[in-house]
Amino acid sequence: MTPRFCSASRRTLERGKAVRERTKDTWGLWRKRELNPESNVQFGEGGAGTFSDGKLYSQIKDPQHHGRKVLQEFVKAGAPAEILYVSKPHIGTFKLVGMVETMRATIEALGGEIRFGQRVEDIEIENGQVRGVTLASGEQIRSDHVVVAVGHSARDTFQMLHRRGVYVEAKPFSIGFRVEHPQSIIDKCRFGPQAGHPILGAADYKLVHHAKNGRSVYSFCMCPGGTVVAATSEPGRVVTNGMSQYSRNERNANAAIVVGITPEDYPGGPLAGIDFQRAWESRAFALGGGTYDAPGQLVGDFIANRPSTEFGSVQPSYKPGVHLGDLNSALPDYAINAIREALPAFDRQIKGFAMNDAVLTAVETRTSSPLRIKRRDDNFQSINTAGLFPAGEGAGYAGGILSAAVDGIKVAEAVALSILGAKK
C-alpha cells in the first residue's frame, strides 16, 4: 500500500524512501511528533503492510493458487517456513523489513530498477491511451504501459488521475476506533485453562454486530500482542492503525472496531470519501490536543456516555500519546451509536471485552481505499484509459498483503500479454 508506479521498462517509481530510512521517519512521528508527508507508515518501500501484523491470509478466490506462490517467495526472502502450513500465517514488522530489502535485491538482480523519492505528479494521456508520467522533479518518463499501485492513502494521486479523466468511482469502506485490552483476557476467553501455553501463542478474535440503526459493526485488523500506531500521512490529522511483531508478545491486544459506510453517507462524487476521511482525521487531531496525540476514552465511560479523566489498568500503546476525553464527536452519530451498542454485545462473546478500563483511541479511517479505479475484467486496464493498469488496495482491488500481492501477479501477467500483443 504505497504510492508506486511501474512502467513497461521494469522501472518502479516509489514515492517514499527505502524501508530502513522510512522506518526512521516513521519513528520520528511516534517518538518526536515529527511527520514526514513523503515517508511514513503509508508511504515508502513495503507499503503500509510493513507496519502491520503482517497477516498473510485472505478470503479471496484464488483458483490459480497465486497465494501459494506469494508465500513461497516470502519464504525465499526470509519469512519463517511455517507460513506455508499454519492456518493463519503472519510475519510482523521487524521480519517484514528484512524481507522487503531481500526482495528488492532480487528484483534488481533480475534487471529491475527501483527509484525512491520519485513522486508522480502527472500522467500523460493521448486519445485515451497512456503515454507516460511526469515526476515532481519535472522529469518525464515515456511508457505505453503504466501500473498504478498507489495504496489507499495517495490522495493527491487519486485527485490527479480524476482530473486527467481516468474513471474512478466511490466505494464503501469503514470508520471507527482502535480498542485495547489485556491480551490475557482474550487468551483466557479463547483458550480457557490452556491460556498462556507457548504452543498456542496469543489469541485473536473476529466479531460482528448488526446494530438497531441498520449499521454493521465489526472487528478489523486484529493484532494479538501488538500495539496501536500513528498512521497519518498528512499534517494536522490523526489516524490510528495496529501492528504486531512476529512474537506477538506485547501486553495488549488491539483491533479496529469499525462501522461500514457507503457512498450514500458521503455524497459528492468519486473523491468525496477522501474529504470525509480528512474531516474526521482533522477532528481527531483537534480532540487529541493538536500534537498528534490520539483522542481516547475508556470503554466503560464511552458506554456510559461520560468523559474519561484517567487511565485504569490498561495503559494505551499508541505513541506519541493518548489524550483522554469524550469521543462522542469523533465520528458521525450513527457510528457512535452503533459502536456503543456493539461493545456490550461483543462482551457476551468475549467476557471482559466491555471492561471499564479497556481503551478506545480515535480515529480509524484507512480501512480500505475510499474509491475504485475501475478496470476491465478481460485485460485489467482502466475502463477508459488504455495501457493504465490499476492494481492492489489503492485501486480498490485488494484488502491486505496477500490479496494485494495476488492482484499484483494478475496485473503483471496482463501487462506482459498486452506488450506481447502490441509486438505482434
Protein backbone atom coordinates (compact mmCIF):
# COMPACT_ATOMS: atom_id res chain seq x y z
CA MET A 1 0.00 0.00 0.00
CA THR A 2 2.45 2.57 -1.17
CA PRO A 3 2.39 5.17 -3.95
CA ARG A 4 4.09 3.25 -6.72
CA PHE A 5 4.06 3.48 -10.49
CA CYS A 6 5.64 0.90 -12.77
CA SER A 7 6.38 1.23 -16.48
CA ALA A 8 7.00 -1.40 -19.12
CA SER A 9 10.73 -0.71 -18.83
CA ARG A 10 10.64 -2.52 -15.46
CA ARG A 11 11.14 0.76 -13.62
CA THR A 12 9.39 1.20 -10.27
CA LEU A 13 8.79 4.75 -9.07
CA GLU A 14 8.44 4.79 -5.29
CA ARG A 15 7.16 7.97 -3.69
CA GLY A 16 8.74 7.25 -0.30
CA LYS A 17 12.13 6.10 0.89
CA ALA A 18 13.88 2.75 1.16
CA VAL A 19 12.50 0.72 4.04
CA ARG A 20 15.30 1.36 6.57
CA GLU A 21 15.21 5.13 6.04
CA ARG A 22 11.45 5.02 6.03
CA THR A 23 11.48 3.25 9.39
CA LYS A 24 13.49 6.11 10.89
CA ASP A 25 10.99 8.64 9.57
CA THR A 26 8.09 6.61 10.95
CA TRP A 27 9.69 6.51 14.40
CA GLY A 28 10.19 10.28 14.05
CA LEU A 29 6.43 10.75 14.32
CA TRP A 30 5.99 8.17 17.05
CA ARG A 31 8.81 9.48 19.24
CA LYS A 32 9.25 13.14 18.28
CA ARG A 33 5.89 14.13 16.78
CA GLU A 34 7.68 14.91 13.50
CA LEU A 35 5.74 13.87 10.39
CA ASN A 36 7.40 13.46 7.00
CA PRO A 37 4.49 13.61 4.50
CA GLU A 38 6.53 11.69 1.90
CA SER A 39 7.92 8.95 4.18
CA ASN A 40 5.72 7.47 6.89
CA VAL A 41 3.51 4.49 7.76
CA GLN A 42 1.68 4.82 4.45
CA PHE A 43 4.41 5.92 2.01
CA GLY A 44 7.66 4.11 1.31
CA GLU A 45 9.16 0.77 0.37
CA GLY A 46 7.00 -2.12 1.53
CA GLY A 47 3.83 -0.05 1.82
CA ALA A 48 1.51 0.20 4.81
CA GLY A 49 1.68 -3.58 5.27
CA THR A 50 5.25 -3.25 6.56
CA PHE A 51 3.94 -1.62 9.72
CA SER A 52 1.20 -4.11 10.49
CA ASP A 53 0.66 -7.54 11.95
CA GLY A 54 1.91 -8.95 8.66
CA LYS A 55 -1.15 -11.16 8.18
CA LEU A 56 -0.81 -13.48 5.20
CA TYR A 57 -4.27 -14.94 4.83
CA SER A 58 -7.23 -13.81 2.78
CA GLN A 59 -10.74 -14.81 1.75
CA ILE A 60 -10.24 -14.06 -1.94
CA LYS A 61 -10.96 -16.64 -4.61
CA ASP A 62 -7.64 -17.96 -5.86
CA PRO A 63 -8.22 -20.82 -8.34
CA GLN A 64 -4.73 -20.45 -9.82
CA HIS A 65 -3.07 -20.64 -6.39
CA HIS A 66 -1.24 -17.35 -6.74
CA GLY A 67 -1.37 -17.01 -2.97
CA ARG A 68 0.82 -20.09 -2.63
CA LYS A 69 3.34 -18.51 -4.98
CA VAL A 70 3.36 -15.37 -2.84
CA LEU A 71 4.05 -17.35 0.34
CA GLN A 72 6.83 -19.29 -1.33
CA GLU A 73 8.50 -16.10 -2.48
CA PHE A 74 8.20 -14.69 1.04
CA VAL A 75 9.96 -17.75 2.46
CA LYS A 76 12.75 -17.31 -0.09
CA ALA A 77 13.07 -13.73 1.15
CA GLY A 78 13.45 -14.80 4.77
CA ALA A 79 9.95 -15.41 6.13
CA PRO A 80 9.53 -18.36 8.52
CA ALA A 81 8.78 -21.59 6.62
CA GLU A 82 5.75 -22.13 8.85
CA ILE A 83 3.76 -19.59 6.81
CA LEU A 84 3.42 -22.37 4.22
CA TYR A 85 1.35 -24.56 6.51
CA VAL A 86 -0.11 -22.75 9.54
CA SER A 87 -3.77 -21.75 9.28
CA LYS A 88 -3.31 -18.02 9.94
CA PRO A 89 0.26 -17.11 8.94
CA HIS A 90 1.76 -13.78 9.90
CA ILE A 91 5.22 -12.23 9.91
CA GLY A 92 5.32 -8.98 11.87
CA THR A 93 7.07 -5.69 11.21
CA PHE A 94 10.70 -6.48 12.05
CA LYS A 95 10.80 -9.55 9.79
CA LEU A 96 8.99 -7.73 7.01
CA VAL A 97 11.65 -5.01 6.88
CA GLY A 98 14.42 -7.51 6.16
CA MET A 99 12.26 -9.41 3.68
CA VAL A 100 11.47 -6.26 1.72
CA GLU A 101 15.18 -5.49 1.37
CA THR A 102 15.89 -9.02 0.16
CA MET A 103 13.10 -8.87 -2.39
CA ARG A 104 14.36 -5.54 -3.67
CA ALA A 105 17.83 -7.04 -4.18
CA THR A 106 16.27 -9.94 -6.11
CA ILE A 107 14.33 -7.57 -8.36
CA GLU A 108 17.46 -5.54 -9.09
CA ALA A 109 19.47 -8.70 -9.80
CA LEU A 110 16.85 -9.64 -12.40
CA GLY A 111 17.20 -6.30 -14.14
CA GLY A 112 14.54 -4.25 -12.38
CA GLU A 113 15.10 -0.65 -11.31
CA ILE A 114 13.61 0.90 -8.17
CA ARG A 115 13.81 4.65 -7.74
CA PHE A 116 12.97 6.14 -4.35
CA GLY A 117 11.70 9.64 -3.63
CA GLN A 118 10.04 9.79 -7.06
CA ARG A 119 6.53 11.17 -6.64
CA VAL A 120 4.45 11.04 -9.81
CA GLU A 121 2.72 14.40 -10.22
CA ASP A 122 1.06 13.96 -13.59
CA ILE A 123 0.16 11.37 -16.18
CA GLU A 124 0.11 11.89 -19.94
CA ILE A 125 -2.87 10.54 -21.86
CA GLU A 126 -3.39 10.89 -25.63
CA ASN A 127 -6.70 9.86 -27.17
CA GLY A 128 -7.50 7.51 -24.32
CA GLN A 129 -4.02 5.89 -24.30
CA VAL A 130 -1.48 6.42 -21.53
CA ARG A 131 1.84 7.77 -22.82
CA GLY A 132 3.89 8.33 -19.69
CA VAL A 133 4.25 10.11 -16.37
CA THR A 134 5.80 13.30 -15.03
CA LEU A 135 7.69 13.31 -11.72
CA ALA A 136 7.76 16.03 -9.09
CA SER A 137 11.29 16.84 -10.31
CA GLY A 138 9.90 17.65 -13.74
CA GLU A 139 11.37 14.54 -15.36
CA GLN A 140 9.13 12.87 -17.91
CA ILE A 141 9.15 9.12 -18.46
CA ARG A 142 7.54 7.74 -21.60
CA SER A 143 5.65 4.46 -21.48
CA ASP A 144 2.55 2.96 -23.06
CA HIS A 145 2.10 0.59 -20.11
CA VAL A 146 1.82 2.02 -16.59
CA VAL A 147 0.82 0.12 -13.45
CA VAL A 148 -0.81 2.25 -10.74
CA ALA A 149 -0.25 0.53 -7.37
CA VAL A 150 -0.52 3.57 -5.15
CA GLY A 151 -2.06 2.26 -1.92
CA HIS A 152 -5.15 3.61 -0.20
CA SER A 153 -3.65 6.89 1.06
CA ALA A 154 -2.19 8.53 -2.08
CA ARG A 155 -4.96 11.09 -2.11
CA ASP A 156 -3.17 13.64 -4.27
CA THR A 157 -2.55 10.92 -6.86
CA PHE A 158 -6.23 9.97 -6.87
CA GLN A 159 -7.11 13.61 -7.41
CA MET A 160 -4.63 13.90 -10.28
CA LEU A 161 -5.97 10.78 -12.02
CA HIS A 162 -9.53 12.05 -11.68
CA ARG A 163 -8.51 15.44 -13.03
CA ARG A 164 -6.92 13.75 -16.03
CA GLY A 165 -10.16 11.95 -16.79
CA VAL A 166 -9.27 8.44 -15.58
CA TYR A 167 -12.51 6.80 -14.47
CA VAL A 168 -12.81 6.42 -10.70
CA GLU A 169 -15.84 5.72 -8.55
CA ALA A 170 -16.63 5.95 -4.85
CA LYS A 171 -16.79 2.67 -2.92
CA PRO A 172 -17.76 1.54 0.59
CA PHE A 173 -15.23 1.47 3.41
CA SER A 174 -15.36 1.61 7.22
CA ILE A 175 -14.56 4.02 10.04
CA GLY A 176 -14.21 3.61 13.79
CA PHE A 177 -11.83 3.35 16.72
CA ARG A 178 -9.00 1.15 17.96
CA VAL A 179 -9.70 -0.79 21.15
CA GLU A 180 -7.07 -2.21 23.53
CA HIS A 181 -7.49 -4.96 26.11
CA PRO A 182 -5.04 -7.00 28.15
CA GLN A 183 -4.02 -9.89 25.88
CA SER A 184 -4.55 -12.21 28.84
CA ILE A 185 -8.31 -11.56 28.74
CA ILE A 186 -8.53 -12.58 25.10
CA ASP A 187 -6.35 -15.64 25.71
CA LYS A 188 -8.48 -16.78 28.66
CA CYS A 189 -11.72 -16.48 26.70
CA ARG A 190 -10.40 -18.21 23.62
CA PHE A 191 -8.19 -20.89 25.18
CA GLY A 192 -9.70 -21.43 28.62
CA PRO A 193 -7.45 -23.33 31.04
CA GLN A 194 -4.78 -23.64 28.35
CA ALA A 195 -4.34 -19.87 28.06
CA GLY A 196 -0.69 -18.90 28.17
CA HIS A 197 0.59 -22.18 26.75
CA PRO A 198 3.56 -21.33 24.49
CA ILE A 199 2.31 -23.54 21.66
CA LEU A 200 -0.92 -21.57 21.44
CA GLY A 201 0.62 -18.11 21.45
CA ALA A 202 -1.57 -15.00 21.59
CA ALA A 203 -5.26 -15.48 20.77
CA ASP A 204 -7.14 -13.44 18.20
CA TYR A 205 -10.83 -12.76 17.57
CA LYS A 206 -13.27 -11.74 14.87
CA LEU A 207 -16.54 -10.12 15.91
CA VAL A 208 -19.60 -8.75 14.13
CA HIS A 209 -22.71 -6.98 15.42
CA HIS A 210 -25.71 -5.74 13.44
CA ALA A 211 -26.93 -2.64 15.24
CA LYS A 212 -30.52 -1.49 15.57
CA ASN A 213 -29.87 1.52 13.36
CA GLY A 214 -29.05 -0.79 10.46
CA ARG A 215 -25.27 -0.41 10.70
CA SER A 216 -22.84 -3.32 10.87
CA VAL A 217 -20.05 -3.07 13.45
CA TYR A 218 -17.12 -5.44 13.22
CA SER A 219 -13.56 -6.01 14.36
CA PHE A 220 -10.89 -5.38 11.75
CA CYS A 221 -7.13 -5.94 11.56
CA MET A 222 -6.96 -7.57 14.98
CA CYS A 223 -3.37 -7.52 16.33
CA PRO A 224 -2.70 -10.04 19.12
CA GLY A 225 0.04 -8.91 21.47
CA GLY A 226 0.53 -5.78 19.42
CA THR A 227 0.48 -2.00 19.55
CA VAL A 228 -1.67 0.83 18.23
CA VAL A 229 0.33 3.07 15.92
CA ALA A 230 0.09 6.58 14.48
CA ALA A 231 -0.62 6.13 10.78
CA THR A 232 -1.31 9.57 9.35
CA SER A 233 0.32 10.68 6.12
CA GLU A 234 -0.91 14.28 6.20
CA PRO A 235 -0.06 17.13 8.62
CA GLY A 236 -2.72 18.17 11.09
CA ARG A 237 -4.51 14.83 11.11
CA VAL A 238 -4.59 11.77 13.38
CA VAL A 239 -5.06 8.23 12.07
CA THR A 240 -4.72 5.02 14.08
CA ASN A 241 -3.75 1.54 12.97
CA GLY A 242 -2.44 -1.62 14.59
CA MET A 243 0.73 -3.67 14.23
CA SER A 244 2.44 -6.65 15.84
CA GLN A 245 5.86 -8.20 15.80
CA TYR A 246 6.35 -11.85 14.90
CA SER A 247 6.48 -12.75 18.61
CA ARG A 248 3.15 -11.05 19.40
CA ASN A 249 4.29 -10.71 22.98
CA GLU A 250 3.19 -7.17 23.92
CA ARG A 251 0.83 -6.99 26.88
CA ASN A 252 -2.17 -5.58 24.99
CA ALA A 253 -4.38 -6.92 22.23
CA ASN A 254 -5.81 -4.34 19.85
CA ALA A 255 -8.24 -4.22 16.96
CA ALA A 256 -10.21 -1.72 14.99
CA ILE A 257 -13.89 -1.61 15.87
CA VAL A 258 -15.41 -0.10 12.76
CA VAL A 259 -18.74 0.71 11.16
CA GLY A 260 -19.44 0.07 7.49
CA ILE A 261 -20.35 3.10 5.40
CA THR A 262 -21.31 3.57 1.75
CA PRO A 263 -21.10 6.44 -0.75
CA GLU A 264 -24.60 7.39 0.35
CA ASP A 265 -23.02 8.53 3.62
CA TYR A 266 -20.64 10.91 1.84
CA PRO A 267 -22.33 12.12 -1.36
CA GLY A 268 -20.44 14.44 -3.66
CA GLY A 269 -18.72 12.41 -6.33
CA PRO A 270 -15.94 9.83 -6.59
CA LEU A 271 -13.49 11.76 -4.39
CA ALA A 272 -15.98 12.58 -1.62
CA GLY A 273 -14.74 9.72 0.53
CA ILE A 274 -11.34 11.41 0.76
CA ASP A 275 -12.94 14.61 2.07
CA PHE A 276 -14.97 12.54 4.51
CA GLN A 277 -11.85 10.80 5.85
CA ARG A 278 -9.93 14.05 6.13
CA ALA A 279 -12.72 15.74 8.09
CA TRP A 280 -12.72 13.05 10.80
CA GLU A 281 -8.92 12.80 10.88
CA SER A 282 -8.72 16.57 11.40
CA ARG A 283 -11.33 16.30 14.13
CA ALA A 284 -9.25 13.60 15.86
CA PHE A 285 -6.18 15.84 15.66
CA ALA A 286 -8.09 18.65 17.39
CA LEU A 287 -9.60 16.37 20.05
CA GLY A 288 -6.13 14.99 20.78
CA GLY A 289 -4.78 18.43 21.54
CA GLY A 290 -3.21 19.27 18.19
CA THR A 291 0.05 17.44 18.94
CA TYR A 292 -0.53 14.13 17.09
CA ASP A 293 -1.75 12.59 20.35
CA ALA A 294 -4.81 10.42 19.69
CA PRO A 295 -8.05 11.26 21.50
CA GLY A 296 -9.11 8.42 23.76
CA GLN A 297 -11.79 7.23 26.16
CA LEU A 298 -12.21 4.23 28.44
CA VAL A 299 -14.75 1.71 27.18
CA GLY A 300 -16.78 1.90 30.38
CA ASP A 301 -17.02 5.67 30.13
CA PHE A 302 -17.86 5.52 26.42
CA ILE A 303 -20.74 3.12 27.05
CA ALA A 304 -21.97 5.27 29.96
CA ASN A 305 -21.57 8.43 27.84
CA ARG A 306 -19.24 10.26 30.22
CA PRO A 307 -15.77 11.72 29.62
CA SER A 308 -12.68 9.87 30.81
CA THR A 309 -10.19 11.62 33.05
CA GLU A 310 -7.61 8.96 33.95
CA PHE A 311 -6.42 5.56 32.77
CA GLY A 312 -7.15 2.38 34.68
CA SER A 313 -5.44 -0.97 34.44
CA VAL A 314 -4.96 -0.79 30.66
CA GLN A 315 -2.17 1.52 29.53
CA PRO A 316 -2.51 2.51 25.86
CA SER A 317 0.33 1.68 23.49
CA TYR A 318 -0.25 4.48 20.95
CA LYS A 319 2.67 6.85 20.52
CA PRO A 320 3.16 9.81 20.80
CA GLY A 321 0.38 9.54 23.40
CA VAL A 322 -3.35 9.38 24.16
CA HIS A 323 -5.34 12.40 25.30
CA LEU A 324 -8.34 11.24 27.35
CA GLY A 325 -11.71 12.89 26.98
CA ASP A 326 -15.02 12.32 25.21
CA LEU A 327 -15.21 10.60 21.80
CA ASN A 328 -18.85 11.48 21.12
CA SER A 329 -17.85 13.97 18.44
CA ALA A 330 -15.04 11.87 16.94
CA LEU A 331 -17.34 10.05 14.49
CA PRO A 332 -20.81 10.57 12.97
CA ASP A 333 -23.68 9.95 15.39
CA TYR A 334 -24.75 6.78 13.58
CA ALA A 335 -21.28 5.30 14.07
CA ILE A 336 -21.06 6.33 17.73
CA ASN A 337 -24.46 4.83 18.49
CA ALA A 338 -23.70 1.60 16.66
CA ILE A 339 -20.34 1.10 18.42
CA ARG A 340 -21.86 1.94 21.81
CA GLU A 341 -24.44 -0.79 21.20
CA ALA A 342 -21.89 -3.27 19.84
CA LEU A 343 -19.40 -3.25 22.71
CA PRO A 344 -21.73 -4.90 25.29
CA ALA A 345 -22.80 -7.37 22.59
CA PHE A 346 -19.15 -8.28 21.98
CA ASP A 347 -18.76 -8.76 25.72
CA ARG A 348 -21.25 -11.61 25.52
CA GLN A 349 -18.87 -13.37 23.13
CA ILE A 350 -15.60 -12.42 24.85
CA LYS A 351 -16.12 -11.88 28.58
CA GLY A 352 -14.32 -8.70 29.51
CA PHE A 353 -14.49 -7.06 26.10
CA ALA A 354 -16.58 -4.23 27.59
CA MET A 355 -14.38 -3.96 30.69
CA ASN A 356 -14.35 -0.45 32.10
CA ASP A 357 -10.60 0.07 31.73
CA ALA A 358 -10.24 -1.01 28.08
CA VAL A 359 -9.13 1.93 25.94
CA LEU A 360 -10.61 3.35 22.75
CA THR A 361 -8.45 5.59 20.54
CA ALA A 362 -9.62 7.62 17.56
CA VAL A 363 -9.77 7.57 14.67
CA GLU A 364 -9.53 4.61 12.26
CA THR A 365 -10.36 5.77 8.72
CA ARG A 366 -7.91 3.96 6.40
CA THR A 367 -9.52 0.51 6.49
CA SER A 368 -9.54 0.41 2.69
CA SER A 369 -9.49 2.73 -0.28
CA PRO A 370 -12.47 5.11 -0.45
CA LEU A 371 -12.59 4.73 -4.23
CA ARG A 372 -12.01 2.28 -7.07
CA ILE A 373 -10.01 2.97 -10.23
CA LYS A 374 -12.26 0.78 -12.29
CA ARG A 375 -10.66 -1.65 -14.74
CA ARG A 376 -11.81 -4.13 -17.37
CA ASP A 377 -12.19 -7.77 -16.37
CA ASP A 378 -10.55 -9.14 -19.50
CA ASN A 379 -7.26 -7.19 -19.64
CA PHE A 380 -7.04 -5.39 -16.25
CA GLN A 381 -6.70 -1.98 -17.94
CA SER A 382 -8.61 1.12 -16.91
CA ILE A 383 -12.05 1.08 -18.49
CA ASN A 384 -11.35 4.37 -20.28
CA THR A 385 -7.55 4.66 -20.38
CA ALA A 386 -5.70 2.03 -22.40
CA GLY A 387 -2.31 0.98 -21.04
CA LEU A 388 -3.13 2.05 -17.48
CA PHE A 389 -3.30 -0.90 -15.07
CA PRO A 390 -4.88 -0.15 -11.66
CA ALA A 391 -3.59 -2.63 -9.07
CA GLY A 392 -3.87 -3.52 -5.41
CA GLU A 393 -5.59 -1.96 -2.46
CA GLY A 394 -5.47 1.68 -3.53
CA ALA A 395 -7.16 0.85 -6.80
CA GLY A 396 -9.92 -0.92 -4.86
CA TYR A 397 -8.98 -4.48 -5.82
CA ALA A 398 -7.34 -5.85 -2.66
CA GLY A 399 -7.55 -5.65 1.10
CA GLY A 400 -4.28 -6.76 2.66
CA ILE A 401 -0.77 -8.03 1.99
CA LEU A 402 -1.71 -11.36 0.44
CA SER A 403 -4.62 -10.18 -1.70
CA ALA A 404 -2.58 -7.20 -2.94
CA ALA A 405 0.31 -9.49 -3.88
CA VAL A 406 -2.04 -11.86 -5.71
CA ASP A 407 -3.56 -8.94 -7.57
CA GLY A 408 -0.06 -7.79 -8.47
CA ILE A 409 0.68 -11.13 -10.10
CA LYS A 410 -2.51 -10.94 -12.14
CA VAL A 411 -1.73 -7.41 -13.28
CA ALA A 412 1.87 -8.31 -14.16
CA GLU A 413 0.60 -11.15 -16.33
CA ALA A 414 -1.88 -8.79 -18.00
CA VAL A 415 0.88 -6.26 -18.72
CA ALA A 416 3.06 -8.98 -20.28
CA LEU A 417 0.21 -10.16 -22.50
CA SER A 418 -0.51 -6.59 -23.57
CA ILE A 419 3.13 -5.96 -24.52
CA LEU A 420 3.32 -9.23 -26.46
CA GLY A 421 0.12 -8.36 -28.27
CA ALA A 422 1.46 -4.94 -29.22
CA LYS A 423 4.59 -6.50 -30.73
CA LYS A 424 2.69 -8.87 -32.99
